[in-house]
């Protein structure tokens, strides 16, 4: 298959699978663990906002360190710091010093990891196979998502947090190995003219994504966990079953994008996302509905990442400096996520239903769709002007 011919992307896919397995064992249980540790939903949203503020404040560190030691070492550092999150959260028993320590490590690990990872993927990937490469990556991630959450839930129930989170830490450290043989993208020095200005579209798209996911995804996790008797095994098992359905959606939309129908996929995906959010907002306290909606919405959730990240990666590929593009764009996610988290905490503080937090993402889905349509249209105009055979988008 053509999307497997890129050796570097294949190694990145192996790395992503290991990272995802660790996430399924541990990261997906962070919010439930904090609930069991005594934090209220409002406090959990505020903790998320604190992580994002720290991320934004610490972001210049990745520019300094990556320029000094190279992108590969900076990505490895981000992977190591991400692994340290797991034993750190096991120390949390309410609001206090240990929660602050976890938030600090989570923020700095995300700063290093995601900026560098996106730079690697966008620099080493192929524009004509971008949608499929993202979708296939997500399909492999989905396979781990079938096993890991179920295993993580059982380990938390039977052996406690130290067992599950320690295994997740080891798996994540193993994800360093596939990074060693891949080519290292170079950071353009000195900073090219308009390097940050070229990231305007990326900043806006990441802002929208940060807003959508920081509020609605956390709220949905809370709804699921509380509705499933606040049991780790029920929560992890539901995620596993739902993820099985989610593997197909991303592969479909990724291929649709590569065949030249990106703008059509934007409209369809936006409608699907909006309907999914409305369904999620109505499920609180109804376990059967939670399981059904989790399966249905996860089946279509594979549409989400390819349909917006394809545009981001294509924009960054032509930017004067791919690394600085993602450095600036990730800052947009920090701001959007922070604002959504604070607003979500306020909704919970005035004792509105948690489902109302899910609905806060609806207006931003419309904004995101408009931005994506403009980005794909501009990309189509650029490729047509250069006379390339691969147009990516069709006229509406």
Protein backbone atom coordinates (compact mmCIF):
# COMPACT_ATOMS: atom_id res chain seq x y z
CA UNK A 1 0.00 0.00 0.00
CA UNK A 2 1.33 3.39 -0.99
CA UNK A 3 0.88 5.01 2.41
CA UNK A 4 3.34 2.47 3.92
CA UNK A 5 6.23 3.38 1.60
CA UNK A 6 7.49 6.21 3.83
CA UNK A 7 9.98 4.61 6.24
CA UNK A 8 10.11 7.56 8.62
CA UNK A 9 6.33 7.79 8.90
CA UNK A 10 6.21 4.06 9.61
CA UNK A 11 8.62 4.46 12.53
CA UNK A 12 6.60 7.41 13.79
CA UNK A 13 3.51 5.23 13.60
CA UNK A 14 5.18 2.60 15.82
CA UNK A 15 6.13 5.35 18.26
CA UNK A 16 2.55 6.64 18.24
CA UNK A 17 1.13 3.17 18.89
CA UNK A 18 3.32 2.75 21.98
CA UNK A 19 2.43 6.24 23.21
CA UNK A 20 -1.23 5.47 22.63
CA UNK A 21 -0.98 2.19 24.53
CA UNK A 22 0.46 4.06 27.49
CA UNK A 23 -2.32 6.62 27.17
CA UNK A 24 -4.94 3.87 27.19
CA UNK A 25 -3.40 2.32 30.30
CA UNK A 26 -3.05 5.59 32.17
CA UNK A 27 -3.87 8.96 30.61
CA UNK A 28 -7.53 8.18 29.88
CA UNK A 29 -7.96 7.47 33.58
CA UNK A 30 -6.51 10.80 34.78
CA UNK A 31 -9.90 12.52 35.06
CA UNK A 32 -11.61 9.52 36.72
CA UNK A 33 -8.67 9.19 39.11
CA UNK A 34 -8.92 12.85 40.08
CA UNK A 35 -12.66 12.41 40.68
CA UNK A 36 -11.95 9.44 42.94
CA UNK A 37 -9.23 11.49 44.66
CA UNK A 38 -11.87 13.99 45.76
CA UNK A 39 -11.68 16.76 43.16
CA UNK A 40 -14.94 18.27 41.95
CA UNK A 41 -15.59 18.74 38.21
CA UNK A 42 -14.96 22.49 38.60
CA UNK A 43 -11.59 21.80 40.25
CA UNK A 44 -10.65 19.37 37.48
CA UNK A 45 -11.39 22.00 34.83
CA UNK A 46 -9.34 24.56 36.77
CA UNK A 47 -6.45 22.09 37.00
CA UNK A 48 -6.66 21.73 33.22
CA UNK A 49 -6.64 25.50 32.84
CA UNK A 50 -3.54 25.69 35.07
CA UNK A 51 -1.74 23.14 32.86
CA UNK A 52 -2.55 25.21 29.77
CA UNK A 53 -1.39 28.48 31.34
CA UNK A 54 1.89 26.82 32.29
CA UNK A 55 2.18 25.36 28.79
CA UNK A 56 1.82 28.79 27.24
CA UNK A 57 4.30 30.34 29.70
CA UNK A 58 6.89 27.59 29.26
CA UNK A 59 6.57 27.34 25.48
CA UNK A 60 9.73 29.40 24.73
CA UNK A 61 11.76 26.61 26.39
CA UNK A 62 11.17 24.23 23.50
CA UNK A 63 12.42 26.84 21.02
CA UNK A 64 15.63 27.30 23.02
CA UNK A 65 16.28 23.63 23.82
CA UNK A 66 15.39 22.21 20.39
CA UNK A 67 17.60 24.78 18.67
CA UNK A 68 20.48 23.78 20.96
CA UNK A 69 20.20 19.97 21.00
CA UNK A 70 18.10 19.18 17.90
CA UNK A 71 14.50 18.14 17.37
CA UNK A 72 15.05 14.43 17.98
CA UNK A 73 16.51 14.93 21.45
CA UNK A 74 13.82 17.48 22.28
CA UNK A 75 11.13 14.97 21.24
CA UNK A 76 12.79 12.26 23.33
CA UNK A 77 12.86 14.66 26.29
CA UNK A 78 9.14 15.29 25.82
CA UNK A 79 8.50 11.53 25.73
CA UNK A 80 10.46 10.98 28.97
CA UNK A 81 8.65 13.82 30.73
CA UNK A 82 5.32 12.44 29.53
CA UNK A 83 6.23 9.09 31.10
CA UNK A 84 6.98 10.78 34.42
CA UNK A 85 3.38 12.04 34.55
CA UNK A 86 2.12 8.56 35.43
CA UNK A 87 3.86 7.96 38.75
CA UNK A 88 3.30 11.62 39.62
CA UNK A 89 -0.50 11.46 39.34
CA UNK A 90 -0.55 8.37 41.56
CA UNK A 91 0.62 10.68 44.37
CA UNK A 92 -2.42 12.97 44.07
CA UNK A 93 -4.94 12.78 46.91
CA UNK A 94 -6.91 15.98 46.51
CA UNK A 95 -5.99 19.61 45.91
CA UNK A 96 -2.47 20.25 47.15
CA UNK A 97 1.26 20.11 46.39
CA UNK A 98 1.11 16.78 44.55
CA UNK A 99 -1.61 18.06 42.20
CA UNK A 100 0.51 21.15 41.51
CA UNK A 101 3.53 18.90 40.77
CA UNK A 102 1.48 16.82 38.36
CA UNK A 103 0.20 19.93 36.56
CA UNK A 104 3.75 21.28 36.20
CA UNK A 105 5.15 18.05 34.74
CA UNK A 106 2.14 17.60 32.45
CA UNK A 107 2.51 21.11 31.06
CA UNK A 108 6.23 20.98 30.30
CA UNK A 109 6.00 17.48 28.82
CA UNK A 110 3.23 18.57 26.45
CA UNK A 111 5.19 21.65 25.41
CA UNK A 112 8.15 19.57 24.29
CA UNK A 113 6.33 16.53 22.98
CA UNK A 114 3.56 17.91 20.78
CA UNK A 115 5.50 20.77 19.16
CA UNK A 116 8.30 18.40 18.16
CA UNK A 117 6.05 15.50 17.15
CA UNK A 118 3.93 17.63 14.83
CA UNK A 119 7.12 19.02 13.28
CA UNK A 120 8.41 15.51 12.58
CA UNK A 121 5.14 14.27 11.11
CA UNK A 122 4.48 17.28 8.91
CA UNK A 123 8.09 17.49 7.68
CA UNK A 124 8.54 13.79 6.90
CA UNK A 125 5.02 13.04 5.63
CA UNK A 126 3.80 13.18 2.03
CA UNK A 127 1.21 15.76 1.01
CA UNK A 128 -0.42 13.48 -1.56
CA UNK A 129 -0.90 10.76 1.07
CA UNK A 130 -1.34 12.98 4.11
CA UNK A 131 -4.94 12.07 4.89
CA UNK A 132 -4.29 8.35 4.60
CA UNK A 133 -1.11 8.55 6.67
CA UNK A 134 -2.93 10.31 9.49
CA UNK A 135 -5.87 7.92 9.23
CA UNK A 136 -3.73 4.77 9.19
CA UNK A 137 -1.81 6.10 12.18
CA UNK A 138 -5.09 6.60 14.00
CA UNK A 139 -6.30 3.14 13.00
CA UNK A 140 -3.27 1.54 14.64
CA UNK A 141 -3.82 3.79 17.64
CA UNK A 142 -7.41 2.54 17.76
CA UNK A 143 -6.20 -1.06 17.94
CA UNK A 144 -4.27 -0.26 21.11
CA UNK A 145 -7.34 1.62 22.34
CA UNK A 146 -9.31 -1.62 22.26
CA UNK A 147 -6.92 -3.41 24.62
CA UNK A 148 -5.28 -0.76 26.78
CA UNK A 149 -8.30 0.92 28.47
CA UNK A 150 -9.82 -2.43 29.40
CA UNK A 151 -6.48 -3.61 30.80
CA UNK A 152 -5.90 -0.30 32.59
CA UNK A 153 -9.34 -0.39 34.21
CA UNK A 154 -8.81 -3.94 35.50
CA UNK A 155 -5.33 -3.10 36.82
CA UNK A 156 -6.64 -0.04 38.65
CA UNK A 157 -9.41 -2.11 40.24
CA UNK A 158 -7.28 -5.12 41.21
CA UNK A 159 -3.82 -3.70 41.86
CA UNK A 160 -4.33 0.03 42.39
CA UNK A 161 -2.99 3.15 40.65
CA UNK A 162 0.71 2.45 41.16
CA UNK A 163 0.49 -0.76 39.15
CA UNK A 164 -1.41 0.65 36.17
CA UNK A 165 0.46 3.95 36.03
CA UNK A 166 3.90 2.28 36.42
CA UNK A 167 3.24 -0.04 33.48
CA UNK A 168 2.08 2.96 31.43
CA UNK A 169 5.32 4.75 32.31
CA UNK A 170 7.47 1.81 31.11
CA UNK A 171 5.52 1.48 27.84
CA UNK A 172 5.91 5.17 27.14
CA UNK A 173 9.66 5.03 27.74
CA UNK A 174 9.82 2.18 25.21
CA UNK A 175 8.31 4.59 22.64
CA UNK A 176 11.71 6.31 22.47
CA UNK A 177 13.22 3.42 20.49
CA UNK A 178 11.36 4.01 17.17
CA UNK A 179 12.51 7.64 17.23
CA UNK A 180 16.20 6.73 16.99
CA UNK A 181 16.42 5.65 13.29
CA UNK A 182 14.22 8.34 11.70
CA UNK A 183 15.58 11.37 9.90
CA UNK A 184 15.69 14.55 11.93
CA UNK A 185 14.06 17.65 10.44
CA UNK A 186 16.27 20.70 10.63
CA UNK A 187 15.35 23.91 12.40
CA UNK A 188 15.89 26.85 10.07
CA UNK A 189 18.35 29.32 11.62
CA UNK A 190 18.23 32.20 11.96
CA UNK A 191 14.47 32.56 12.10
CA UNK A 192 13.18 33.21 8.55
CA UNK A 193 11.19 36.29 7.82
CA UNK A 194 7.46 35.80 8.43
CA UNK A 195 8.11 32.38 10.06
CA UNK A 196 5.54 33.06 12.77
CA UNK A 197 3.17 35.06 10.55
CA UNK A 198 2.86 31.98 8.33
CA UNK A 199 1.28 30.15 11.26
CA UNK A 200 -1.89 32.29 11.36
CA UNK A 201 -4.11 29.50 10.01
CA UNK A 202 -2.47 26.96 12.29
CA UNK A 203 -2.99 29.16 15.35
CA UNK A 204 -6.68 29.59 14.57
CA UNK A 205 -7.24 25.87 13.90
CA UNK A 206 -5.41 24.87 17.09
CA UNK A 207 -7.37 27.48 19.05
CA UNK A 208 -10.60 25.90 17.83
CA UNK A 209 -9.40 22.39 18.64
CA UNK A 210 -8.20 23.43 22.10
CA UNK A 211 -11.59 24.97 22.83
CA UNK A 212 -13.52 21.93 21.56
CA UNK A 213 -11.49 19.27 23.34
CA UNK A 214 -10.57 20.92 26.64
CA UNK A 215 -14.18 21.46 27.63
CA UNK A 216 -16.30 18.84 25.90
CA UNK A 217 -13.87 15.90 26.06
CA UNK A 218 -13.25 16.31 29.79
CA UNK A 219 -16.97 16.80 30.48
CA UNK A 220 -17.80 13.65 28.49
CA UNK A 221 -15.23 11.67 30.47
CA UNK A 222 -16.87 12.85 33.71
CA UNK A 223 -20.34 11.95 32.40
CA UNK A 224 -19.17 8.49 31.34
CA UNK A 225 -17.34 7.66 34.56
CA UNK A 226 -20.06 8.88 36.89
CA UNK A 227 -22.83 7.23 34.86
CA UNK A 228 -20.97 3.89 34.84
CA UNK A 229 -21.03 3.63 38.66
CA UNK A 230 -17.65 5.38 38.95
CA UNK A 231 -15.87 2.08 38.28
CA UNK A 232 -12.59 1.99 36.39
CA UNK A 233 -13.35 -1.39 34.79
CA UNK A 234 -16.77 -0.27 33.49
CA UNK A 235 -15.23 2.93 32.12
CA UNK A 236 -12.24 1.19 30.51
CA UNK A 237 -14.38 -1.57 29.01
CA UNK A 238 -16.76 0.94 27.45
CA UNK A 239 -13.84 2.83 25.93
CA UNK A 240 -12.44 -0.41 24.51
CA UNK A 241 -15.71 -1.38 22.83
CA UNK A 242 -16.25 2.14 21.51
CA UNK A 243 -12.72 2.40 20.12
CA UNK A 244 -13.24 -0.74 18.06
CA UNK A 245 -15.94 1.15 16.17
CA UNK A 246 -13.80 4.28 15.85
CA UNK A 247 -11.00 2.71 13.80
CA UNK A 248 -13.00 2.71 10.55
CA UNK A 249 -14.19 6.32 10.48
CA UNK A 250 -10.74 7.90 10.27
CA UNK A 251 -9.60 5.55 7.50
CA UNK A 252 -12.63 6.48 5.42
CA UNK A 253 -12.27 10.24 5.79
CA UNK A 254 -8.50 10.12 5.31
CA UNK A 255 -8.94 8.37 1.97
CA UNK A 256 -11.73 10.79 0.99
CA UNK A 257 -9.37 13.72 1.61
CA UNK A 258 -6.61 12.14 -0.49
CA UNK A 259 -9.03 11.52 -3.36
CA UNK A 260 -9.77 15.25 -3.58
CA UNK A 261 -12.92 15.69 -1.52
CA UNK A 262 -11.54 17.52 1.50
CA UNK A 263 -14.05 20.37 1.40
CA UNK A 264 -16.99 17.97 1.28
CA UNK A 265 -15.58 16.02 4.23
CA UNK A 266 -15.44 19.24 6.27
CA UNK A 267 -19.18 19.84 6.02
CA UNK A 268 -20.08 16.22 6.75
CA UNK A 269 -17.66 15.93 9.66
CA UNK A 270 -18.84 19.19 11.24
CA UNK A 271 -22.46 17.99 11.21
CA UNK A 272 -21.46 14.62 12.68
CA UNK A 273 -19.45 16.29 15.44
CA UNK A 274 -22.28 18.63 16.35
CA UNK A 275 -24.85 15.83 16.51
CA UNK A 276 -22.46 13.78 18.63
CA UNK A 277 -22.02 16.61 21.13
CA UNK A 278 -25.79 17.07 21.45
CA UNK A 279 -26.23 13.34 22.13
CA UNK A 280 -23.43 13.35 24.72
CA UNK A 281 -24.96 16.29 26.56
CA UNK A 282 -28.16 14.31 27.16
CA UNK A 283 -26.61 11.15 28.65
CA UNK A 284 -25.67 12.14 32.20
CA UNK A 285 -26.88 9.54 34.68
CA UNK A 286 -28.08 7.05 32.04
CA UNK A 287 -25.55 4.17 31.73
CA UNK A 288 -27.20 2.43 28.76
CA UNK A 289 -27.39 5.70 26.84
CA UNK A 290 -23.76 6.46 27.72
CA UNK A 291 -22.56 3.13 26.33
CA UNK A 292 -24.66 3.49 23.16
CA UNK A 293 -23.61 7.08 22.50
CA UNK A 294 -19.96 6.26 23.26
CA UNK A 295 -20.00 3.53 20.62
CA UNK A 296 -21.82 5.62 18.00
CA UNK A 297 -19.82 8.82 18.49
CA UNK A 298 -16.48 7.02 18.68
CA UNK A 299 -17.32 5.27 15.42
CA UNK A 300 -17.38 8.70 13.81
CA UNK A 301 -14.65 10.28 15.95
CA UNK A 302 -12.02 8.91 13.59
CA UNK A 303 -13.18 11.62 11.16
CA UNK A 304 -12.03 14.39 13.46
CA UNK A 305 -8.24 14.25 13.44
CA UNK A 306 -7.69 13.64 9.70
CA UNK A 307 -10.20 16.28 8.66
CA UNK A 308 -8.50 19.14 10.49
CA UNK A 309 -4.89 17.99 10.97
CA UNK A 310 -4.44 17.32 7.25
CA UNK A 311 -4.94 21.04 6.67
CA UNK A 312 -2.53 21.94 9.48
CA UNK A 313 0.22 19.61 8.28
CA UNK A 314 -0.11 20.85 4.69
CA UNK A 315 0.09 24.48 5.84
CA UNK A 316 3.16 23.74 7.97
CA UNK A 317 4.89 21.86 5.14
CA UNK A 318 5.05 25.03 3.03
CA UNK A 319 5.82 27.39 5.94
CA UNK A 320 9.27 29.04 6.05
CA UNK A 321 10.03 27.00 9.20
CA UNK A 322 7.87 24.01 10.08
CA UNK A 323 9.10 23.92 13.68
CA UNK A 324 8.23 27.56 14.35
CA UNK A 325 4.87 27.02 12.66
CA UNK A 326 3.95 24.35 15.20
CA UNK A 327 5.53 26.28 18.05
CA UNK A 328 3.15 29.17 17.37
CA UNK A 329 0.15 27.00 16.46
CA UNK A 330 0.30 25.01 19.69
CA UNK A 331 0.10 28.33 21.54
CA UNK A 332 -3.31 28.78 19.94
CA UNK A 333 -4.40 25.47 21.49
CA UNK A 334 -3.20 26.67 24.91
CA UNK A 335 -5.30 29.82 24.71
CA UNK A 336 -8.42 28.14 23.33
CA UNK A 337 -8.22 25.31 25.84
CA UNK A 338 -7.64 27.69 28.76
CA UNK A 339 -10.68 29.82 27.91
CA UNK A 340 -12.89 26.74 27.47
CA UNK A 341 -11.64 25.21 30.75
CA UNK A 342 -12.31 28.37 32.76
CA UNK A 343 -15.77 28.73 31.23
CA UNK A 344 -16.46 25.05 31.99
CA UNK A 345 -15.38 25.52 35.61
CA UNK A 346 -17.77 28.49 35.88
CA UNK A 347 -20.64 26.41 34.48
CA UNK A 348 -19.95 23.71 37.09
CA UNK A 349 -19.53 26.27 39.89
CA UNK A 350 -23.04 27.64 39.34
CA UNK A 351 -24.29 24.03 39.39
CA UNK A 352 -25.54 23.83 35.83
CA UNK A 353 -25.68 20.27 34.42
CA UNK A 354 -22.34 18.90 33.24
CA UNK A 355 -23.97 18.33 29.85
CA UNK A 356 -24.03 22.10 29.39
CA UNK A 357 -20.22 22.06 29.27
CA UNK A 358 -20.31 19.64 26.34
CA UNK A 359 -22.52 22.05 24.39
CA UNK A 360 -20.01 24.90 24.81
CA UNK A 361 -18.05 23.37 21.93
CA UNK A 362 -20.88 23.68 19.39
CA UNK A 363 -20.18 27.27 18.17
CA UNK A 364 -16.49 26.47 17.77
CA UNK A 365 -17.23 23.53 15.48
CA UNK A 366 -18.82 25.99 13.05
CA UNK A 367 -15.79 28.30 13.30
CA UNK A 368 -13.43 25.38 12.73
CA UNK A 369 -15.37 24.26 9.65
CA UNK A 370 -15.15 27.74 8.08
CA UNK A 371 -11.39 27.86 8.72
CA UNK A 372 -10.85 24.41 7.24
CA UNK A 373 -12.87 25.15 4.13
CA UNK A 374 -10.79 28.28 3.51
CA UNK A 375 -7.53 26.38 4.10
CA UNK A 376 -8.39 23.54 1.73
CA UNK A 377 -9.59 26.02 -0.90
CA UNK A 378 -6.31 27.96 -0.67
CA UNK A 379 -4.31 24.73 -0.90
CA UNK A 380 -6.25 23.71 -3.99
CA UNK A 381 -5.55 27.08 -5.60
CA UNK A 382 -1.82 26.78 -4.84
CA UNK A 383 -1.50 23.30 -6.33
CA UNK A 384 -3.52 24.28 -9.41
CA UNK A 385 -1.28 27.30 -9.93
CA UNK A 386 1.80 25.08 -9.80
CA UNK A 387 0.18 22.70 -12.27
CA UNK A 388 0.39 19.71 -9.93
CA UNK A 389 -1.66 16.63 -10.66
CA UNK A 390 -2.79 16.27 -7.06
CA UNK A 391 -5.43 18.95 -6.34
CA UNK A 392 -6.54 17.84 -2.79
CA UNK A 393 -9.78 19.73 -3.15
CA UNK A 394 -12.52 19.99 -5.66
CA UNK A 395 -14.51 23.14 -6.39
CA UNK A 396 -17.84 23.29 -4.53
